[in-house]
Amino acid sequence: MLKIGPYSHPSRVIVAPMAGVTDQPFRNLCRKFGAYWLVSEMVTSDTNLWSTKKSKYRLQFHNEEEPRWIQIAGSEPAKMAEAAHRNVERGAQIIDINLGCPAKKVCNRLAGSALLRDEPLVGRILHAVVKAVDVPVTMKMRIGWSRDQINAIKVARIAEDAGIQLITVHGRTREDRFSGSVDYDMIGWVKNAVDIPVIGNGDINSADFACLLLNRYDLDGVMMGRSVQGQPWLPAQVDALLNGTSHQTPSKKEIVQVLEDHVIALSDFYGEYTGVRVARKHVSWYLSRLNVDQQRRDFNQLESLQSQVNFIKNLNLAA
């Protein structure tokens, strides 16, 4: 059972926040398959930018199922506190602070994983956000800026002292980005160093591996990111194994219906022009996992929702 503030559930699997991926249509699809814990795409703490098209989409969560877990990113304590407060006014029920994003455009603003180089600033941000809202505040971080600057345990203790209620640890440094080995031992050491829940993250791509990590390091849960792309049913499958029940992978025929539902939801959410383009990467992930690369390339040439739906209906996949 994983508990965050007033929210508790037998699920110990969290769908990771992924910019450009875990939008509202994708979150709703994961929920349809049984996922309970999901974190939104990262929202900037600069509220002056909330009028941009990208931010408007990312700030649409008020009508989603509970708990609505919203991630914010920034480097100024006052702005982070204000962003947290305003997201709660919009319906956020858990606030997550981003100390993990390795993207240059985020780190260049001294946000995301760049904050790990300034521990006093991390403390000020966490205290400001916790004080500003009456909902649980969580944090996602990497283990350090580089392999010779690993400070995950110290930052985790700063977070616990500030009132953070859960920490997710990606077992790479910012310098590693998404390559190289994941230091699961360090995630385990963070777990041993604090008394609040610790979630493991990084290359967790199967139910068996998630179960192994939870048992080996006594983690409170796992967060799954890239492995969920093209497999929105995977978090529920992992939970099923952890809880001793069964959850079958959809048949290829069922996956075709999932594809159709997904592309329609994207066009409904973004409008057809943008939805069609966002759909290309999602459908590419599905088809890549089904080993139909030629059909994936053909799909990416389509320019309308109806042509995408027709393409999906005509997919020739053996059941």
C-alpha atoms as a PDB file:
ATOM      1  CA  MET A   1       0.000   0.000   0.000  1.00  0.00           C
ATOM      2  CA  LEU A   2       1.405   3.366  -1.023  1.00  0.00           C
ATOM      3  CA  LYS A   3       0.222   6.419   0.914  1.00  0.00           C
ATOM      4  CA  ILE A   4       0.706  10.093   0.027  1.00  0.00           C
ATOM      5  CA  GLY A   5      -1.101  12.457   2.368  1.00  0.00           C
ATOM      6  CA  PRO A   6      -4.805  11.528   2.329  1.00  0.00           C
ATOM      7  CA  TYR A   7      -4.386   9.246  -0.693  1.00  0.00           C
ATOM      8  CA  SER A   8      -3.612   5.561  -0.354  1.00  0.00           C
ATOM      9  CA  HIS A   9      -3.882   2.655  -2.752  1.00  0.00           C
ATOM     10  CA  PRO A  10      -2.534  -0.894  -3.159  1.00  0.00           C
ATOM     11  CA  SER A  11      -0.772   0.208  -6.358  1.00  0.00           C
ATOM     12  CA  ARG A  12       2.954   0.755  -6.002  1.00  0.00           C
ATOM     13  CA  VAL A  13       3.565   1.757  -9.609  1.00  0.00           C
ATOM     14  CA  ILE A  14       3.698   5.398 -10.721  1.00  0.00           C
ATOM     15  CA  VAL A  15       3.578   6.591 -14.322  1.00  0.00           C
ATOM     16  CA  ALA A  16       6.445   9.059 -14.680  1.00  0.00           C
ATOM     17  CA  PRO A  17       6.047  12.669 -15.803  1.00  0.00           C
ATOM     18  CA  MET A  18       7.352  12.844 -19.381  1.00  0.00           C
ATOM     19  CA  ALA A  19       7.201  16.095 -21.333  1.00  0.00           C
ATOM     20  CA  GLY A  20       5.370  15.617 -24.596  1.00  0.00           C
ATOM     21  CA  VAL A  21       4.174  12.152 -23.578  1.00  0.00           C
ATOM     22  CA  THR A  22       2.102  12.010 -20.392  1.00  0.00           C
ATOM     23  CA  ASP A  23      -0.528  14.509 -21.478  1.00  0.00           C
ATOM     24  CA  GLN A  24      -4.129  14.208 -20.374  1.00  0.00           C
ATOM     25  CA  PRO A  25      -5.176  11.744 -23.121  1.00  0.00           C
ATOM     26  CA  PHE A  26      -2.282   9.422 -22.258  1.00  0.00           C
ATOM     27  CA  ARG A  27      -2.934   9.656 -18.516  1.00  0.00           C
ATOM     28  CA  ASN A  28      -6.595   8.827 -19.065  1.00  0.00           C
ATOM     29  CA  LEU A  29      -5.620   5.827 -21.201  1.00  0.00           C
ATOM     30  CA  CYS A  30      -3.277   4.504 -18.511  1.00  0.00           C
ATOM     31  CA  ARG A  31      -6.086   4.907 -15.978  1.00  0.00           C
ATOM     32  CA  LYS A  32      -8.446   2.990 -18.243  1.00  0.00           C
ATOM     33  CA  PHE A  33      -6.102   0.005 -17.980  1.00  0.00           C
ATOM     34  CA  GLY A  34      -5.888   0.310 -14.208  1.00  0.00           C
ATOM     35  CA  ALA A  35      -3.069   2.732 -13.354  1.00  0.00           C
ATOM     36  CA  TYR A  36      -3.760   4.765 -10.204  1.00  0.00           C
ATOM     37  CA  TRP A  37      -0.697   6.948  -9.630  1.00  0.00           C
ATOM     38  CA  LEU A  38       0.275   9.259 -12.519  1.00  0.00           C
ATOM     39  CA  VAL A  39       2.280  12.484 -12.568  1.00  0.00           C
ATOM     40  CA  SER A  40       1.542  15.224 -15.099  1.00  0.00           C
ATOM     41  CA  GLU A  41       3.921  16.675 -17.634  1.00  0.00           C
ATOM     42  CA  MET A  42       6.249  19.257 -16.114  1.00  0.00           C
ATOM     43  CA  VAL A  43       4.671  22.728 -15.777  1.00  0.00           C
ATOM     44  CA  THR A  44       6.900  25.812 -15.618  1.00  0.00           C
ATOM     45  CA  SER A  45       6.842  27.848 -12.412  1.00  0.00           C
ATOM     46  CA  ASP A  46       6.883  31.043 -14.486  1.00  0.00           C
ATOM     47  CA  THR A  47       3.181  31.846 -14.453  1.00  0.00           C
ATOM     48  CA  ASN A  48       3.766  34.553 -17.086  1.00  0.00           C
ATOM     49  CA  LEU A  49       4.222  31.687 -19.552  1.00  0.00           C
ATOM     50  CA  TRP A  50       1.002  29.920 -18.629  1.00  0.00           C
ATOM     51  CA  SER A  51      -0.817  31.645 -21.488  1.00  0.00           C
ATOM     52  CA  THR A  52       1.300  29.798 -24.083  1.00  0.00           C
ATOM     53  CA  LYS A  53      -0.368  26.999 -25.999  1.00  0.00           C
ATOM     54  CA  LYS A  54       1.923  24.345 -24.499  1.00  0.00           C
ATOM     55  CA  SER A  55       1.275  25.429 -20.924  1.00  0.00           C
ATOM     56  CA  LYS A  56      -2.476  25.671 -21.476  1.00  0.00           C
ATOM     57  CA  TYR A  57      -2.554  22.014 -22.495  1.00  0.00           C
ATOM     58  CA  ARG A  58      -0.373  20.970 -19.559  1.00  0.00           C
ATOM     59  CA  LEU A  59      -2.556  22.866 -17.099  1.00  0.00           C
ATOM     60  CA  GLN A  60      -5.699  20.977 -18.095  1.00  0.00           C
ATOM     61  CA  PHE A  61      -6.237  18.469 -15.319  1.00  0.00           C
ATOM     62  CA  HIS A  62      -9.154  19.760 -13.233  1.00  0.00           C
ATOM     63  CA  ASN A  63     -11.578  17.177 -14.676  1.00  0.00           C
ATOM     64  CA  GLU A  64      -9.355  14.111 -14.194  1.00  0.00           C
ATOM     65  CA  GLU A  65      -9.783  11.316 -11.693  1.00  0.00           C
ATOM     66  CA  GLU A  66      -8.130  11.650  -8.300  1.00  0.00           C
ATOM     67  CA  PRO A  67      -5.429  11.982  -7.249  1.00  0.00           C
ATOM     68  CA  ARG A  68      -4.318  14.800  -9.568  1.00  0.00           C
ATOM     69  CA  TRP A  69      -0.529  14.871  -9.186  1.00  0.00           C
ATOM     70  CA  ILE A  70       1.068  17.879 -10.874  1.00  0.00           C
ATOM     71  CA  GLN A  71       4.807  18.458 -11.393  1.00  0.00           C
ATOM     72  CA  ILE A  72       6.320  21.955 -11.407  1.00  0.00           C
ATOM     73  CA  ALA A  73       9.823  23.101 -12.375  1.00  0.00           C
ATOM     74  CA  GLY A  74      11.768  26.255 -11.663  1.00  0.00           C
ATOM     75  CA  SER A  75      14.629  27.742  -9.689  1.00  0.00           C
ATOM     76  CA  GLU A  76      13.147  30.631  -7.675  1.00  0.00           C
ATOM     77  CA  PRO A  77      11.521  29.765  -4.341  1.00  0.00           C
ATOM     78  CA  ALA A  78       8.855  32.484  -4.512  1.00  0.00           C
ATOM     79  CA  LYS A  79       7.842  31.580  -8.069  1.00  0.00           C
ATOM     80  CA  MET A  80       7.769  27.883  -7.239  1.00  0.00           C
ATOM     81  CA  ALA A  81       5.574  28.571  -4.215  1.00  0.00           C
ATOM     82  CA  GLU A  82       3.211  30.716  -6.283  1.00  0.00           C
ATOM     83  CA  ALA A  83       3.035  28.105  -9.052  1.00  0.00           C
ATOM     84  CA  ALA A  84       2.239  25.391  -6.510  1.00  0.00           C
ATOM     85  CA  HIS A  85      -0.488  27.504  -4.909  1.00  0.00           C
ATOM     86  CA  ARG A  86      -2.094  28.354  -8.238  1.00  0.00           C
ATOM     87  CA  ASN A  87      -2.021  24.740  -9.392  1.00  0.00           C
ATOM     88  CA  VAL A  88      -3.805  23.716  -6.196  1.00  0.00           C
ATOM     89  CA  GLU A  89      -6.432  26.378  -6.945  1.00  0.00           C
ATOM     90  CA  ARG A  90      -6.863  24.698 -10.349  1.00  0.00           C
ATOM     91  CA  GLY A  91      -7.453  21.314  -8.744  1.00  0.00           C
ATOM     92  CA  ALA A  92      -4.010  19.814  -8.104  1.00  0.00           C
ATOM     93  CA  GLN A  93      -4.082  17.434  -5.142  1.00  0.00           C
ATOM     94  CA  ILE A  94      -0.377  16.530  -4.958  1.00  0.00           C
ATOM     95  CA  ILE A  95       2.495  18.796  -6.052  1.00  0.00           C
ATOM     96  CA  ASP A  96       5.739  17.281  -7.342  1.00  0.00           C
ATOM     97  CA  ILE A  97       8.974  19.281  -7.597  1.00  0.00           C
ATOM     98  CA  ASN A  98      11.302  18.536 -10.500  1.00  0.00           C
ATOM     99  CA  LEU A  99      14.950  18.025  -9.574  1.00  0.00           C
ATOM    100  CA  GLY A 100      15.465  15.388 -12.221  1.00  0.00           C
ATOM    101  CA  CYS A 101      15.011  16.741 -15.733  1.00  0.00           C
ATOM    102  CA  PRO A 102      18.355  16.626 -17.606  1.00  0.00           C
ATOM    103  CA  ALA A 103      17.218  18.661 -20.637  1.00  0.00           C
ATOM    104  CA  LYS A 104      19.543  21.529 -21.524  1.00  0.00           C
ATOM    105  CA  LYS A 105      16.754  24.092 -21.863  1.00  0.00           C
ATOM    106  CA  VAL A 106      15.661  23.260 -18.312  1.00  0.00           C
ATOM    107  CA  CYS A 107      19.133  23.032 -16.762  1.00  0.00           C
ATOM    108  CA  ASN A 108      20.231  26.245 -18.462  1.00  0.00           C
ATOM    109  CA  ARG A 109      17.597  27.995 -16.357  1.00  0.00           C
ATOM    110  CA  LEU A 110      19.147  26.345 -13.272  1.00  0.00           C
ATOM    111  CA  ALA A 111      16.026  24.192 -12.880  1.00  0.00           C
ATOM    112  CA  GLY A 112      15.505  20.435 -12.987  1.00  0.00           C
ATOM    113  CA  SER A 113      18.622  18.432 -12.159  1.00  0.00           C
ATOM    114  CA  ALA A 114      20.756  21.603 -12.257  1.00  0.00           C
ATOM    115  CA  LEU A 115      19.381  22.409  -8.809  1.00  0.00           C
ATOM    116  CA  LEU A 116      21.360  19.491  -7.378  1.00  0.00           C
ATOM    117  CA  ARG A 117      24.483  21.680  -7.592  1.00  0.00           C
ATOM    118  CA  ASP A 118      22.974  24.160  -5.106  1.00  0.00           C
ATOM    119  CA  GLU A 119      21.763  22.329  -2.012  1.00  0.00           C
ATOM    120  CA  PRO A 120      20.880  25.482  -0.005  1.00  0.00           C
ATOM    121  CA  LEU A 121      18.669  26.639  -2.890  1.00  0.00           C
ATOM    122  CA  VAL A 122      16.990  23.226  -2.982  1.00  0.00           C
ATOM    123  CA  GLY A 123      16.170  23.637   0.690  1.00  0.00           C
ATOM    124  CA  ARG A 124      14.710  27.105   0.176  1.00  0.00           C
ATOM    125  CA  ILE A 125      12.548  25.934  -2.728  1.00  0.00           C
ATOM    126  CA  LEU A 126      11.227  22.903  -0.870  1.00  0.00           C
ATOM    127  CA  HIS A 127      10.414  24.867   2.282  1.00  0.00           C
ATOM    128  CA  ALA A 128       8.678  27.591   0.243  1.00  0.00           C
ATOM    129  CA  VAL A 129       6.500  25.155  -1.675  1.00  0.00           C
ATOM    130  CA  VAL A 130       5.550  23.059   1.353  1.00  0.00           C
ATOM    131  CA  LYS A 131       4.585  26.225   3.233  1.00  0.00           C
ATOM    132  CA  ALA A 132       2.548  27.578   0.310  1.00  0.00           C
ATOM    133  CA  VAL A 133       0.091  24.682  -0.085  1.00  0.00           C
ATOM    134  CA  ASP A 134      -2.078  22.462   2.069  1.00  0.00           C
ATOM    135  CA  VAL A 135      -1.636  19.371  -0.127  1.00  0.00           C
ATOM    136  CA  PRO A 136       1.192  16.797  -0.090  1.00  0.00           C
ATOM    137  CA  VAL A 137       4.432  17.843  -1.795  1.00  0.00           C
ATOM    138  CA  THR A 138       6.722  15.249  -3.372  1.00  0.00           C
ATOM    139  CA  MET A 139      10.015  15.452  -5.250  1.00  0.00           C
ATOM    140  CA  LYS A 140      11.694  13.678  -8.157  1.00  0.00           C
ATOM    141  CA  MET A 141      15.475  13.835  -8.418  1.00  0.00           C
ATOM    142  CA  ARG A 142      18.560  12.267  -9.914  1.00  0.00           C
ATOM    143  CA  ILE A 143      21.393  10.941  -7.775  1.00  0.00           C
ATOM    144  CA  GLY A 144      23.609  13.936  -8.545  1.00  0.00           C
ATOM    145  CA  TRP A 145      24.954  16.249 -11.215  1.00  0.00           C
ATOM    146  CA  SER A 146      27.704  13.866 -12.330  1.00  0.00           C
ATOM    147  CA  ARG A 147      29.285  10.606 -11.209  1.00  0.00           C
ATOM    148  CA  ASP A 148      31.846  12.525  -9.163  1.00  0.00           C
ATOM    149  CA  GLN A 149      29.173  14.815  -7.679  1.00  0.00           C
ATOM    150  CA  ILE A 150      26.652  12.376  -6.216  1.00  0.00           C
ATOM    151  CA  ASN A 151      24.687  13.934  -3.381  1.00  0.00           C
ATOM    152  CA  ALA A 152      21.356  12.090  -3.424  1.00  0.00           C
ATOM    153  CA  ILE A 153      21.431  11.135   0.254  1.00  0.00           C
ATOM    154  CA  LYS A 154      22.131  14.693   1.398  1.00  0.00           C
ATOM    155  CA  VAL A 155      19.409  16.140  -0.853  1.00  0.00           C
ATOM    156  CA  ALA A 156      16.948  13.485   0.323  1.00  0.00           C
ATOM    157  CA  ARG A 157      17.574  14.452   3.937  1.00  0.00           C
ATOM    158  CA  ILE A 158      17.087  18.131   3.052  1.00  0.00           C
ATOM    159  CA  ALA A 159      13.783  17.162   1.444  1.00  0.00           C
ATOM    160  CA  GLU A 160      12.625  15.168   4.452  1.00  0.00           C
ATOM    161  CA  ASP A 161      13.474  18.056   6.790  1.00  0.00           C
ATOM    162  CA  ALA A 162      11.496  20.432   4.549  1.00  0.00           C
ATOM    163  CA  GLY A 163       8.332  18.348   4.795  1.00  0.00           C
ATOM    164  CA  ILE A 164       8.485  16.519   1.472  1.00  0.00           C
ATOM    165  CA  GLN A 165       6.266  13.431   1.766  1.00  0.00           C
ATOM    166  CA  LEU A 166       7.749  11.188  -0.941  1.00  0.00           C
ATOM    167  CA  ILE A 167      10.931  11.109  -3.022  1.00  0.00           C
ATOM    168  CA  THR A 168      11.396   9.486  -6.413  1.00  0.00           C
ATOM    169  CA  VAL A 169      15.023   8.765  -7.288  1.00  0.00           C
ATOM    170  CA  HIS A 170      16.201   8.229 -10.853  1.00  0.00           C
ATOM    171  CA  GLY A 171      19.407   6.238 -10.524  1.00  0.00           C
ATOM    172  CA  ARG A 172      21.434   8.272 -13.024  1.00  0.00           C
ATOM    173  CA  THR A 173      23.137  11.654 -12.831  1.00  0.00           C
ATOM    174  CA  ARG A 174      22.304  14.637 -14.998  1.00  0.00           C
ATOM    175  CA  GLU A 175      25.546  14.044 -16.900  1.00  0.00           C
ATOM    176  CA  ASP A 176      24.346  10.504 -17.759  1.00  0.00           C
ATOM    177  CA  ARG A 177      21.077  11.787 -19.227  1.00  0.00           C
ATOM    178  CA  PHE A 178      19.297   8.549 -20.301  1.00  0.00           C
ATOM    179  CA  SER A 179      22.309   6.351 -21.080  1.00  0.00           C
ATOM    180  CA  GLY A 180      24.688   4.284 -19.020  1.00  0.00           C
ATOM    181  CA  SER A 181      23.928   2.056 -16.081  1.00  0.00           C
ATOM    182  CA  VAL A 182      21.369   2.890 -13.403  1.00  0.00           C
ATOM    183  CA  ASP A 183      22.772   2.925  -9.868  1.00  0.00           C
ATOM    184  CA  TYR A 184      20.048   1.012  -8.056  1.00  0.00           C
ATOM    185  CA  ASP A 185      22.286   0.588  -5.001  1.00  0.00           C
ATOM    186  CA  MET A 186      22.277   4.365  -4.544  1.00  0.00           C
ATOM    187  CA  ILE A 187      18.481   4.385  -4.686  1.00  0.00           C
ATOM    188  CA  GLY A 188      18.547   1.761  -1.935  1.00  0.00           C
ATOM    189  CA  TRP A 189      20.932   3.867   0.152  1.00  0.00           C
ATOM    190  CA  VAL A 190      18.588   6.836  -0.155  1.00  0.00           C
ATOM    191  CA  LYS A 191      15.766   4.604   1.064  1.00  0.00           C
ATOM    192  CA  ASN A 192      17.833   3.653   4.107  1.00  0.00           C
ATOM    193  CA  ALA A 193      18.737   7.283   4.828  1.00  0.00           C
ATOM    194  CA  VAL A 194      15.219   8.713   5.242  1.00  0.00           C
ATOM    195  CA  ASP A 195      11.928   7.729   6.833  1.00  0.00           C
ATOM    196  CA  ILE A 196       9.612   8.940   4.072  1.00  0.00           C
ATOM    197  CA  PRO A 197       8.584   6.774   1.078  1.00  0.00           C
ATOM    198  CA  VAL A 198      11.227   6.341  -1.642  1.00  0.00           C
ATOM    199  CA  ILE A 199      10.350   5.355  -5.204  1.00  0.00           C
ATOM    200  CA  GLY A 200      12.869   3.811  -7.611  1.00  0.00           C
ATOM    201  CA  ASN A 201      13.109   5.001 -11.215  1.00  0.00           C
ATOM    202  CA  GLY A 202      15.278   4.194 -14.205  1.00  0.00           C
ATOM    203  CA  ASP A 203      15.025   1.482 -16.903  1.00  0.00           C
ATOM    204  CA  ILE A 204      12.298  -0.449 -15.084  1.00  0.00           C
ATOM    205  CA  ASN A 205      10.720  -2.232 -18.014  1.00  0.00           C
ATOM    206  CA  SER A 206       9.041  -5.360 -16.675  1.00  0.00           C
ATOM    207  CA  ALA A 207       6.971  -6.626 -13.793  1.00  0.00           C
ATOM    208  CA  ASP A 208       9.654  -9.127 -12.785  1.00  0.00           C
ATOM    209  CA  PHE A 209      12.352  -6.454 -12.584  1.00  0.00           C
ATOM    210  CA  ALA A 210      10.106  -4.086 -10.641  1.00  0.00           C
ATOM    211  CA  CYS A 211       9.390  -6.855  -8.152  1.00  0.00           C
ATOM    212  CA  LEU A 212      13.102  -7.617  -7.811  1.00  0.00           C
ATOM    213  CA  LEU A 213      13.960  -3.970  -7.042  1.00  0.00           C
ATOM    214  CA  LEU A 214      11.159  -3.556  -4.528  1.00  0.00           C
ATOM    215  CA  ASN A 215      12.235  -6.651  -2.641  1.00  0.00           C
ATOM    216  CA  ARG A 216      15.998  -6.098  -2.837  1.00  0.00           C
ATOM    217  CA  TYR A 217      15.954  -2.476  -1.678  1.00  0.00           C
ATOM    218  CA  ASP A 218      12.726  -2.390   0.348  1.00  0.00           C
ATOM    219  CA  LEU A 219      11.431   0.420  -1.889  1.00  0.00           C
ATOM    220  CA  ASP A 220       7.950   1.797  -1.464  1.00  0.00           C
ATOM    221  CA  GLY A 221       7.231   1.713  -5.184  1.00  0.00           C
ATOM    222  CA  VAL A 222       8.595   2.114  -8.685  1.00  0.00           C
ATOM    223  CA  MET A 223       8.140   4.804 -11.309  1.00  0.00           C
ATOM    224  CA  MET A 224       7.975   3.730 -14.957  1.00  0.00           C
ATOM    225  CA  GLY A 225       8.725   6.105 -17.815  1.00  0.00           C
ATOM    226  CA  ARG A 226       9.900   5.145 -21.290  1.00  0.00           C
ATOM    227  CA  SER A 227       8.758   1.539 -20.874  1.00  0.00           C
ATOM    228  CA  VAL A 228       5.142   2.750 -20.739  1.00  0.00           C
ATOM    229  CA  GLN A 229       5.378   4.441 -24.151  1.00  0.00           C
ATOM    230  CA  GLY A 230       3.335   2.281 -26.501  1.00  0.00           C
ATOM    231  CA  GLN A 231       2.289   0.083 -23.537  1.00  0.00           C
ATOM    232  CA  PRO A 232      -0.196   2.032 -21.387  1.00  0.00           C
ATOM    233  CA  TRP A 233      -1.331  -1.270 -19.849  1.00  0.00           C
ATOM    234  CA  LEU A 234       2.128  -2.032 -18.408  1.00  0.00           C
ATOM    235  CA  PRO A 235       1.754  -0.247 -15.018  1.00  0.00           C
ATOM    236  CA  ALA A 236      -1.366  -2.276 -14.266  1.00  0.00           C
ATOM    237  CA  GLN A 237       0.446  -5.476 -15.276  1.00  0.00           C
ATOM    238  CA  VAL A 238       3.269  -4.705 -12.857  1.00  0.00           C
ATOM    239  CA  ASP A 239       0.797  -4.001 -10.066  1.00  0.00           C
ATOM    240  CA  ALA A 240      -0.965  -7.261 -10.779  1.00  0.00           C
ATOM    241  CA  LEU A 241       2.243  -9.260 -10.333  1.00  0.00           C
ATOM    242  CA  LEU A 242       3.158  -7.365  -7.179  1.00  0.00           C
ATOM    243  CA  ASN A 243      -0.283  -8.040  -5.727  1.00  0.00           C
ATOM    244  CA  GLY A 244      -0.392 -11.702  -6.795  1.00  0.00           C
ATOM    245  CA  THR A 245      -3.086 -11.346  -9.452  1.00  0.00           C
ATOM    246  CA  SER A 246      -3.074 -11.650 -13.237  1.00  0.00           C
ATOM    247  CA  HIS A 247      -3.359  -8.967 -15.913  1.00  0.00           C
ATOM    248  CA  GLN A 248      -3.094 -10.107 -19.504  1.00  0.00           C
ATOM    249  CA  THR A 249      -1.376  -8.160 -22.265  1.00  0.00           C
ATOM    250  CA  PRO A 250      -4.015  -6.988 -24.752  1.00  0.00           C
ATOM    251  CA  SER A 251      -4.282  -9.026 -27.929  1.00  0.00           C
ATOM    252  CA  LYS A 252      -3.108  -7.414 -31.163  1.00  0.00           C
ATOM    253  CA  LYS A 253      -6.753  -6.894 -32.095  1.00  0.00           C
ATOM    254  CA  GLU A 254      -7.328  -5.089 -28.806  1.00  0.00           C
ATOM    255  CA  ILE A 255      -4.195  -2.997 -29.321  1.00  0.00           C
ATOM    256  CA  VAL A 256      -5.579  -1.816 -32.680  1.00  0.00           C
ATOM    257  CA  GLN A 257      -8.656  -0.531 -30.849  1.00  0.00           C
ATOM    258  CA  VAL A 258      -6.440   1.164 -28.269  1.00  0.00           C
ATOM    259  CA  LEU A 259      -4.573   2.899 -31.096  1.00  0.00           C
ATOM    260  CA  GLU A 260      -7.800   4.158 -32.631  1.00  0.00           C
ATOM    261  CA  ASP A 261      -9.124   5.417 -29.298  1.00  0.00           C
ATOM    262  CA  HIS A 262      -5.806   7.117 -28.565  1.00  0.00           C
ATOM    263  CA  VAL A 263      -5.505   9.067 -31.831  1.00  0.00           C
ATOM    264  CA  ILE A 264      -9.127  10.211 -31.581  1.00  0.00           C
ATOM    265  CA  ALA A 265      -8.571  11.382 -27.998  1.00  0.00           C
ATOM    266  CA  LEU A 266      -5.468  13.322 -29.069  1.00  0.00           C
ATOM    267  CA  SER A 267      -7.341  15.190 -31.804  1.00  0.00           C
ATOM    268  CA  ASP A 268     -10.216  15.877 -29.423  1.00  0.00           C
ATOM    269  CA  PHE A 269      -7.792  17.311 -26.878  1.00  0.00           C
ATOM    270  CA  TYR A 270      -5.381  19.292 -29.074  1.00  0.00           C
ATOM    271  CA  GLY A 271      -7.510  19.916 -32.146  1.00  0.00           C
ATOM    272  CA  GLU A 272      -6.974  17.906 -35.305  1.00  0.00           C
ATOM    273  CA  TYR A 273      -3.896  19.690 -36.681  1.00  0.00           C
ATOM    274  CA  THR A 274      -1.814  19.271 -33.529  1.00  0.00           C
ATOM    275  CA  GLY A 275      -3.435  16.006 -32.469  1.00  0.00           C
ATOM    276  CA  VAL A 276      -2.503  14.297 -35.734  1.00  0.00           C
ATOM    277  CA  ARG A 277       1.129  15.285 -35.257  1.00  0.00           C
ATOM    278  CA  VAL A 278       1.287  14.289 -31.601  1.00  0.00           C
ATOM    279  CA  ALA A 279      -0.284  10.942 -32.520  1.00  0.00           C
ATOM    280  CA  ARG A 280       2.620  10.068 -34.808  1.00  0.00           C
ATOM    281  CA  LYS A 281       5.107   9.452 -32.006  1.00  0.00           C
ATOM    282  CA  HIS A 282       2.612   7.519 -29.886  1.00  0.00           C
ATOM    283  CA  VAL A 283       1.572   5.261 -32.750  1.00  0.00           C
ATOM    284  CA  SER A 284       5.240   4.811 -33.668  1.00  0.00           C
ATOM    285  CA  TRP A 285       5.895   3.448 -30.188  1.00  0.00           C
ATOM    286  CA  TYR A 286       3.004   1.003 -30.416  1.00  0.00           C
ATOM    287  CA  LEU A 287       3.980  -0.208 -33.884  1.00  0.00           C
ATOM    288  CA  SER A 288       7.664  -0.426 -33.031  1.00  0.00           C
ATOM    289  CA  ARG A 289       6.837  -2.775 -30.169  1.00  0.00           C
ATOM    290  CA  LEU A 290       4.788  -4.815 -32.640  1.00  0.00           C
ATOM    291  CA  ASN A 291       7.765  -4.913 -35.055  1.00  0.00           C
ATOM    292  CA  VAL A 292       5.942  -3.324 -37.997  1.00  0.00           C
ATOM    293  CA  ASP A 293       8.422  -0.581 -38.866  1.00  0.00           C
ATOM    294  CA  GLN A 294       7.301  -0.109 -42.468  1.00  0.00           C
ATOM    295  CA  GLN A 295       3.741   0.587 -41.366  1.00  0.00           C
ATOM    296  CA  ARG A 296       5.103   2.991 -38.775  1.00  0.00           C
ATOM    297  CA  ARG A 297       6.855   5.034 -41.468  1.00  0.00           C
ATOM    298  CA  ASP A 298       3.719   5.066 -43.612  1.00  0.00           C
ATOM    299  CA  PHE A 299       1.602   6.293 -40.708  1.00  0.00           C
ATOM    300  CA  ASN A 300       3.893   9.273 -40.148  1.00  0.00           C
ATOM    301  CA  GLN A 301       3.005  10.620 -43.610  1.00  0.00           C
ATOM    302  CA  LEU A 302      -0.699  10.959 -42.814  1.00  0.00           C
ATOM    303  CA  GLU A 303      -2.143  14.460 -42.413  1.00  0.00           C
ATOM    304  CA  SER A 304      -5.688  13.992 -41.082  1.00  0.00           C
ATOM    305  CA  LEU A 305      -7.452  12.192 -38.250  1.00  0.00           C
ATOM    306  CA  GLN A 306      -9.692  10.262 -40.623  1.00  0.00           C
ATOM    307  CA  SER A 307      -6.707   8.983 -42.589  1.00  0.00           C
ATOM    308  CA  GLN A 308      -5.071   7.893 -39.326  1.00  0.00           C
ATOM    309  CA  VAL A 309      -8.224   6.088 -38.188  1.00  0.00           C
ATOM    310  CA  ASN A 310      -8.574   4.372 -41.579  1.00  0.00           C
ATOM    311  CA  PHE A 311      -4.922   3.318 -41.469  1.00  0.00           C
ATOM    312  CA  ILE A 312      -5.347   1.819 -38.004  1.00  0.00           C
ATOM    313  CA  LYS A 313      -8.540  -0.025 -38.971  1.00  0.00           C
ATOM    314  CA  ASN A 314      -6.678  -1.601 -41.883  1.00  0.00           C
ATOM    315  CA  LEU A 315      -3.629  -2.701 -39.906  1.00  0.00           C
ATOM    316  CA  ASN A 316      -2.850  -6.295 -40.674  1.00  0.00           C
ATOM    317  CA  LEU A 317      -1.698  -7.768 -37.387  1.00  0.00           C
ATOM    318  CA  ALA A 318      -2.010 -11.418 -36.581  1.00  0.00           C
ATOM    319  CA  ALA A 319      -4.023 -11.856 -33.409  1.00  0.00           C
END
